Protein backbone atom coordinates (compact mmCIF):
# COMPACT_ATOMS: atom_id res chain seq x y z
CA MET A 1 26.16 -4.63 12.55
CA ALA A 2 25.33 -5.31 8.92
CA LEU A 3 26.55 -2.94 6.17
CA VAL A 4 24.57 -2.44 2.98
CA LYS A 5 25.56 -0.70 -0.24
CA VAL A 6 23.36 1.86 -2.04
CA LYS A 7 22.94 0.70 -5.66
CA THR A 8 22.75 2.94 -8.76
CA ARG A 9 18.99 3.44 -8.42
CA TYR A 10 19.28 4.15 -4.70
CA GLN A 11 18.19 0.65 -3.77
CA VAL A 12 19.47 -1.29 -0.79
CA THR A 13 19.09 -4.92 0.12
CA LEU A 14 18.30 -5.80 3.76
CA PRO A 15 20.55 -8.64 4.95
CA SER A 16 18.62 -11.80 5.84
CA THR A 17 19.64 -11.57 9.52
CA VAL A 18 18.10 -8.04 9.74
CA ARG A 19 14.99 -9.11 7.81
CA ASN A 20 14.44 -12.11 10.04
CA ARG A 21 14.98 -10.26 13.28
CA ALA A 22 12.55 -7.47 12.13
CA GLY A 23 9.98 -9.96 10.74
CA VAL A 24 10.01 -8.33 7.32
CA GLY A 25 8.79 -10.21 4.33
CA VAL A 26 8.10 -9.61 0.60
CA GLY A 27 5.40 -7.05 0.08
CA ASP A 28 5.61 -5.60 3.56
CA LEU A 29 5.55 -1.82 3.99
CA LEU A 30 8.32 0.02 5.81
CA GLU A 31 8.00 3.52 7.01
CA ALA A 32 11.19 5.55 6.14
CA LYS A 33 12.19 8.49 8.33
CA VAL A 34 15.27 10.66 8.73
CA GLU A 35 16.05 11.55 12.33
CA ARG A 36 19.18 13.52 13.26
CA GLY A 37 20.93 12.35 10.10
CA ARG A 38 19.98 8.67 10.56
CA ILE A 39 17.64 6.76 8.29
CA THR A 40 15.19 4.50 10.12
CA LEU A 41 12.96 1.89 8.54
CA THR A 42 9.95 0.78 10.63
CA PRO A 43 7.83 -2.22 9.58
CA LYS A 44 4.12 -1.36 9.36
CA PRO A 45 1.50 -4.01 10.14
CA PRO A 46 -0.95 -5.15 7.46
CA VAL A 47 -3.80 -3.13 9.01
CA GLU A 48 -1.80 0.07 8.55
CA ARG A 49 -1.03 -0.98 4.94
CA GLU A 50 -4.74 -1.29 4.22
CA ILE A 51 -5.39 2.11 5.77
CA ALA A 52 -2.59 3.59 3.65
CA GLU A 53 -4.09 2.06 0.49
CA GLY A 54 -7.54 3.38 1.41
CA LEU A 55 -6.17 6.86 2.02
CA GLU A 56 -4.43 6.75 -1.39
CA ASP A 57 -7.78 5.76 -2.98
CA LEU A 58 -9.40 8.81 -1.35
CA LYS A 59 -6.62 11.12 -2.45
CA ARG A 60 -6.97 9.95 -6.05
CA GLY A 61 -10.78 10.15 -5.98
CA ARG A 62 -11.38 6.40 -6.31
CA VAL A 63 -14.46 6.40 -4.01
CA TYR A 64 -18.25 6.08 -4.24
CA GLY A 65 -20.81 7.69 -1.99
CA PRO A 66 -21.82 8.93 0.48
CA PHE A 67 -25.06 7.02 0.44
CA ALA A 68 -28.34 7.88 2.15
CA SER A 69 -29.18 4.23 2.72
CA ALA A 70 -27.86 0.67 2.40
CA ASP A 71 -30.20 0.12 -0.61
CA GLU A 72 -28.70 3.13 -2.36
CA MET A 73 -25.21 1.71 -1.75
CA VAL A 74 -26.23 -1.74 -3.18
CA ARG A 75 -27.69 -0.12 -6.30
CA SER A 76 -24.45 1.82 -6.81
CA LEU A 77 -22.43 -1.34 -6.44
CA HIS A 78 -24.52 -3.13 -9.04
CA ARG A 79 -24.40 -0.23 -11.43
CA ASN A 80 -20.61 0.04 -11.15
CA ALA A 81 -20.13 -3.68 -11.42
CA LYS A 82 -22.02 -3.70 -14.73
CA ARG A 83 -19.99 -0.78 -16.04
CA LEU A 84 -16.66 -2.41 -15.04
CA ALA A 85 -17.70 -5.75 -16.58
CA ALA A 86 -18.49 -4.02 -19.90
CA ARG A 87 -15.08 -2.28 -19.98
CA PRO A 88 -12.31 -4.03 -22.01
CA ARG A 89 -9.65 -5.49 -19.77
CA SER A 90 -6.05 -4.38 -20.01
CA ARG A 91 -3.31 -6.97 -20.25
CA GLU A 92 -1.14 -6.97 -17.12
């Protein structure tokens, strides 16, 4: 059993043996749950990550449509692409 320490910002580091056995890598999502006083972290596959990101977009209103036809959708894509291209880029 590996022990980990909770840091000042409530961060923990997963030991390499635990990461390797669970197949967890940088950027992977883990679902955190508390069950009967125990914290469990469950790796989520990339498909679930994409679904989670899509649901977050919906929640924040970052969506287009619905569209009555494919042509209407393509026109919307072109319109929004032009608008985004004209917008000044932020430095990241």
